[in-house]
Amino acid sequence: MLPDYRNRGLGKRFFEEREAHVRDLARFDTVCFCAVERPTDHPRRPAGYQPLDTFWHRRGFVQHPELRTTFSWQDRDETAESAKPMVFWLKPLG
């Protein structure tokens, strides 16, 4: 997240709203999302990058490295789409 947008509660609110929507559906007992995995020395990581793992853990999510997929998209410096590794984070709704 860009520094100007940090600590404004936007991420927290986003997760609260999406979880509220899932609860309103009353059909699911787990919420999840997947996040791209990039090595710490990846050239697309911005200066001062801060991983969001702590934020997601505070929201009650647990990373599940056994649940993986890839998504393809074209990054700004690429000439074509390429597969990006993704890992899933899950949270039981209590």
N, C-alpha and C. Protein backbone atom coordinates (compact mmCIF):
# COMPACT_ATOMS: atom_id res chain seq x y z
N MET A 1 0.85 -1.17 0.00
CA MET A 1 0.00 0.00 0.00
C MET A 1 0.89 1.24 0.00
N LEU A 2 0.47 2.23 -0.72
CA LEU A 2 1.23 3.48 -0.76
C LEU A 2 1.21 4.16 0.60
N PRO A 3 2.34 4.76 0.99
CA PRO A 3 2.43 5.38 2.33
C PRO A 3 1.32 6.37 2.64
N ASP A 4 0.87 7.15 1.65
CA ASP A 4 -0.17 8.14 1.90
C ASP A 4 -1.50 7.52 2.31
N TYR A 5 -1.68 6.23 2.02
CA TYR A 5 -2.96 5.58 2.32
C TYR A 5 -2.87 4.64 3.52
N ARG A 6 -1.70 4.54 4.13
CA ARG A 6 -1.54 3.67 5.29
C ARG A 6 -2.15 4.30 6.54
N ASN A 7 -2.59 3.44 7.43
CA ASN A 7 -3.11 3.84 8.74
C ASN A 7 -4.33 4.76 8.67
N ARG A 8 -5.14 4.57 7.66
CA ARG A 8 -6.40 5.30 7.54
C ARG A 8 -7.61 4.40 7.77
N GLY A 9 -7.34 3.11 8.00
CA GLY A 9 -8.43 2.17 8.24
C GLY A 9 -9.06 1.61 6.98
N LEU A 10 -8.51 1.93 5.81
CA LEU A 10 -9.11 1.47 4.55
C LEU A 10 -9.05 -0.04 4.40
N GLY A 11 -7.91 -0.64 4.71
CA GLY A 11 -7.77 -2.09 4.59
C GLY A 11 -8.67 -2.80 5.58
N LYS A 12 -8.69 -2.32 6.80
CA LYS A 12 -9.54 -2.91 7.83
C LYS A 12 -11.00 -2.84 7.41
N ARG A 13 -11.41 -1.70 6.93
CA ARG A 13 -12.81 -1.52 6.49
C ARG A 13 -13.14 -2.43 5.32
N PHE A 14 -12.21 -2.56 4.38
CA PHE A 14 -12.42 -3.45 3.23
C PHE A 14 -12.70 -4.88 3.70
N PHE A 15 -11.86 -5.38 4.62
CA PHE A 15 -12.05 -6.74 5.10
C PHE A 15 -13.33 -6.86 5.93
N GLU A 16 -13.67 -5.87 6.72
CA GLU A 16 -14.91 -5.91 7.50
C GLU A 16 -16.13 -5.98 6.59
N GLU A 17 -16.12 -5.17 5.54
CA GLU A 17 -17.27 -5.14 4.62
C GLU A 17 -17.42 -6.44 3.85
N ARG A 18 -16.32 -7.00 3.39
CA ARG A 18 -16.43 -8.25 2.62
C ARG A 18 -16.85 -9.40 3.53
N GLU A 19 -16.38 -9.43 4.78
CA GLU A 19 -16.80 -10.47 5.71
C GLU A 19 -18.27 -10.30 6.08
N ALA A 20 -18.72 -9.07 6.24
CA ALA A 20 -20.13 -8.82 6.53
C ALA A 20 -21.00 -9.32 5.39
N HIS A 21 -20.56 -9.11 4.17
CA HIS A 21 -21.31 -9.60 3.01
C HIS A 21 -21.41 -11.12 3.03
N VAL A 22 -20.30 -11.79 3.31
CA VAL A 22 -20.31 -13.25 3.36
C VAL A 22 -21.24 -13.73 4.48
N ARG A 23 -21.20 -13.08 5.62
CA ARG A 23 -22.11 -13.46 6.72
C ARG A 23 -23.57 -13.27 6.31
N ASP A 24 -23.86 -12.17 5.61
CA ASP A 24 -25.23 -11.91 5.16
C ASP A 24 -25.72 -12.99 4.21
N LEU A 25 -24.82 -13.57 3.44
CA LEU A 25 -25.23 -14.64 2.53
C LEU A 25 -25.65 -15.89 3.28
N ALA A 26 -25.13 -16.06 4.48
CA ALA A 26 -25.49 -17.17 5.38
C ALA A 26 -25.35 -18.54 4.71
N ARG A 27 -24.34 -18.69 3.86
CA ARG A 27 -24.11 -19.98 3.19
C ARG A 27 -22.71 -20.51 3.41
N PHE A 28 -21.83 -19.72 4.01
CA PHE A 28 -20.43 -20.09 4.10
C PHE A 28 -19.95 -20.01 5.55
N ASP A 29 -19.00 -20.86 5.87
CA ASP A 29 -18.43 -20.81 7.21
C ASP A 29 -16.96 -20.39 7.20
N THR A 30 -16.45 -20.05 6.02
CA THR A 30 -15.05 -19.64 5.86
C THR A 30 -14.97 -18.54 4.81
N VAL A 31 -14.11 -17.57 5.05
CA VAL A 31 -13.79 -16.58 4.02
C VAL A 31 -12.33 -16.78 3.64
N CYS A 32 -12.01 -16.43 2.41
CA CYS A 32 -10.62 -16.60 1.97
C CYS A 32 -10.27 -15.56 0.92
N PHE A 33 -9.00 -15.43 0.69
CA PHE A 33 -8.48 -14.65 -0.41
C PHE A 33 -7.15 -15.28 -0.79
N CYS A 34 -6.64 -14.92 -1.94
CA CYS A 34 -5.30 -15.38 -2.30
C CYS A 34 -4.45 -14.16 -2.61
N ALA A 35 -3.17 -14.31 -2.34
CA ALA A 35 -2.23 -13.21 -2.51
C ALA A 35 -1.04 -13.69 -3.33
N VAL A 36 -0.55 -12.81 -4.15
CA VAL A 36 0.62 -13.14 -4.96
C VAL A 36 1.84 -13.32 -4.05
N GLU A 37 2.65 -14.29 -4.38
CA GLU A 37 3.89 -14.52 -3.64
C GLU A 37 5.06 -14.10 -4.52
N ARG A 38 5.85 -13.20 -4.00
CA ARG A 38 7.04 -12.76 -4.72
C ARG A 38 8.23 -12.86 -3.77
N PRO A 39 9.39 -13.22 -4.29
CA PRO A 39 10.57 -13.29 -3.43
C PRO A 39 10.91 -11.91 -2.87
N THR A 40 11.61 -11.90 -1.74
CA THR A 40 11.94 -10.63 -1.09
C THR A 40 12.80 -9.73 -1.97
N ASP A 41 13.54 -10.31 -2.91
CA ASP A 41 14.38 -9.49 -3.79
C ASP A 41 13.74 -9.25 -5.15
N HIS A 42 12.43 -9.43 -5.25
CA HIS A 42 11.73 -9.27 -6.53
C HIS A 42 11.86 -7.82 -7.02
N PRO A 43 12.19 -7.62 -8.29
CA PRO A 43 12.40 -6.25 -8.78
C PRO A 43 11.14 -5.37 -8.78
N ARG A 44 9.95 -5.96 -8.71
CA ARG A 44 8.72 -5.16 -8.71
C ARG A 44 8.32 -4.71 -7.30
N ARG A 45 9.03 -5.16 -6.29
CA ARG A 45 8.71 -4.69 -4.94
C ARG A 45 9.14 -3.24 -4.80
N PRO A 46 8.24 -2.39 -4.36
CA PRO A 46 8.61 -0.97 -4.21
C PRO A 46 9.57 -0.76 -3.05
N ALA A 47 10.28 0.32 -3.10
CA ALA A 47 11.17 0.69 -1.99
C ALA A 47 10.32 0.83 -0.73
N GLY A 48 10.81 0.32 0.37
CA GLY A 48 10.08 0.42 1.64
C GLY A 48 8.91 -0.53 1.74
N TYR A 49 8.87 -1.54 0.89
CA TYR A 49 7.77 -2.51 0.92
C TYR A 49 7.60 -3.10 2.31
N GLN A 50 6.35 -3.20 2.76
CA GLN A 50 6.03 -3.82 4.03
C GLN A 50 5.05 -4.96 3.78
N PRO A 51 5.42 -6.20 4.09
CA PRO A 51 4.50 -7.32 3.88
C PRO A 51 3.21 -7.11 4.68
N LEU A 52 2.11 -7.64 4.16
CA LEU A 52 0.81 -7.48 4.81
C LEU A 52 0.45 -8.67 5.69
N ASP A 53 1.35 -9.62 5.86
CA ASP A 53 1.05 -10.82 6.63
C ASP A 53 0.56 -10.49 8.04
N THR A 54 1.20 -9.58 8.73
CA THR A 54 0.80 -9.22 10.09
C THR A 54 -0.61 -8.64 10.09
N PHE A 55 -0.91 -7.79 9.13
CA PHE A 55 -2.25 -7.21 9.00
C PHE A 55 -3.29 -8.32 8.83
N TRP A 56 -3.02 -9.26 7.92
CA TRP A 56 -3.96 -10.35 7.66
C TRP A 56 -4.12 -11.25 8.88
N HIS A 57 -3.01 -11.53 9.58
CA HIS A 57 -3.10 -12.33 10.81
C HIS A 57 -3.96 -11.63 11.86
N ARG A 58 -3.82 -10.32 11.99
CA ARG A 58 -4.64 -9.57 12.96
C ARG A 58 -6.12 -9.64 12.61
N ARG A 59 -6.44 -9.82 11.34
CA ARG A 59 -7.83 -9.95 10.91
C ARG A 59 -8.34 -11.38 11.10
N GLY A 60 -7.46 -12.28 11.56
CA GLY A 60 -7.88 -13.66 11.82
C GLY A 60 -7.60 -14.63 10.70
N PHE A 61 -6.89 -14.21 9.67
CA PHE A 61 -6.58 -15.09 8.55
C PHE A 61 -5.32 -15.90 8.82
N VAL A 62 -5.30 -17.11 8.28
CA VAL A 62 -4.15 -17.99 8.39
C VAL A 62 -3.73 -18.39 6.98
N GLN A 63 -2.45 -18.25 6.71
CA GLN A 63 -1.92 -18.64 5.40
C GLN A 63 -1.91 -20.17 5.30
N HIS A 64 -2.33 -20.67 4.15
CA HIS A 64 -2.35 -22.11 3.90
C HIS A 64 -1.46 -22.41 2.69
N PRO A 65 -0.17 -22.63 2.93
CA PRO A 65 0.76 -22.86 1.82
C PRO A 65 0.44 -24.11 1.01
N GLU A 66 -0.36 -25.02 1.57
CA GLU A 66 -0.74 -26.20 0.81
C GLU A 66 -1.80 -25.88 -0.24
N LEU A 67 -2.42 -24.70 -0.14
CA LEU A 67 -3.43 -24.27 -1.11
C LEU A 67 -2.80 -23.23 -2.02
N ARG A 68 -2.52 -23.62 -3.23
CA ARG A 68 -1.82 -22.75 -4.17
C ARG A 68 -2.52 -22.76 -5.53
N THR A 69 -2.30 -21.69 -6.23
CA THR A 69 -2.76 -21.60 -7.61
C THR A 69 -1.83 -20.63 -8.33
N THR A 70 -2.09 -20.42 -9.59
CA THR A 70 -1.41 -19.35 -10.33
C THR A 70 -2.46 -18.55 -11.06
N PHE A 71 -2.24 -17.28 -11.18
CA PHE A 71 -3.05 -16.39 -12.00
C PHE A 71 -2.11 -15.73 -12.99
N SER A 72 -2.62 -15.50 -14.17
CA SER A 72 -1.81 -14.85 -15.19
C SER A 72 -2.31 -13.44 -15.44
N TRP A 73 -1.39 -12.52 -15.51
CA TRP A 73 -1.68 -11.16 -15.92
C TRP A 73 -0.40 -10.55 -16.45
N GLN A 74 -0.56 -9.45 -17.11
CA GLN A 74 0.58 -8.75 -17.68
C GLN A 74 0.97 -7.61 -16.75
N ASP A 75 2.15 -7.73 -16.15
CA ASP A 75 2.67 -6.63 -15.34
C ASP A 75 3.08 -5.49 -16.26
N ARG A 76 3.20 -4.31 -15.68
CA ARG A 76 3.49 -3.12 -16.49
C ARG A 76 4.77 -3.23 -17.31
N ASP A 77 5.76 -3.95 -16.79
CA ASP A 77 7.03 -4.03 -17.52
C ASP A 77 7.14 -5.30 -18.36
N GLU A 78 6.05 -6.04 -18.51
CA GLU A 78 6.05 -7.26 -19.31
C GLU A 78 5.42 -7.00 -20.67
N THR A 79 5.79 -7.80 -21.64
CA THR A 79 5.21 -7.68 -22.97
C THR A 79 4.05 -8.64 -23.17
N ALA A 80 3.89 -9.60 -22.24
CA ALA A 80 2.79 -10.57 -22.32
C ALA A 80 2.46 -11.02 -20.90
N GLU A 81 1.31 -11.68 -20.78
CA GLU A 81 0.92 -12.24 -19.49
C GLU A 81 1.91 -13.31 -19.06
N SER A 82 2.06 -13.44 -17.75
CA SER A 82 2.85 -14.54 -17.20
C SER A 82 2.16 -15.02 -15.93
N ALA A 83 2.35 -16.29 -15.61
CA ALA A 83 1.72 -16.89 -14.43
C ALA A 83 2.43 -16.39 -13.17
N LYS A 84 1.63 -16.01 -12.19
CA LYS A 84 2.14 -15.56 -10.89
C LYS A 84 1.69 -16.55 -9.82
N PRO A 85 2.58 -16.98 -8.94
CA PRO A 85 2.18 -17.91 -7.87
C PRO A 85 1.34 -17.18 -6.82
N MET A 86 0.29 -17.85 -6.39
CA MET A 86 -0.63 -17.29 -5.41
C MET A 86 -0.81 -18.29 -4.28
N VAL A 87 -0.97 -17.78 -3.06
CA VAL A 87 -1.24 -18.63 -1.89
C VAL A 87 -2.53 -18.14 -1.24
N PHE A 88 -3.28 -19.06 -0.67
CA PHE A 88 -4.58 -18.76 -0.07
C PHE A 88 -4.45 -18.51 1.43
N TRP A 89 -5.26 -17.58 1.91
CA TRP A 89 -5.41 -17.26 3.33
C TRP A 89 -6.87 -17.51 3.69
N LEU A 90 -7.12 -18.23 4.79
CA LEU A 90 -8.47 -18.59 5.20
C LEU A 90 -8.77 -18.10 6.61
N LYS A 91 -10.06 -17.83 6.83
CA LYS A 91 -10.52 -17.41 8.15
C LYS A 91 -11.89 -18.05 8.39
N PRO A 92 -12.01 -18.81 9.47
CA PRO A 92 -13.33 -19.35 9.79
C PRO A 92 -14.24 -18.25 10.32
N LEU A 93 -15.50 -18.30 9.93
CA LEU A 93 -16.48 -17.34 10.45
C LEU A 93 -17.12 -17.95 11.68
N GLY A 94 -16.98 -17.30 12.80
CA GLY A 94 -17.50 -17.85 14.04
C GLY A 94 -18.75 -17.17 14.48
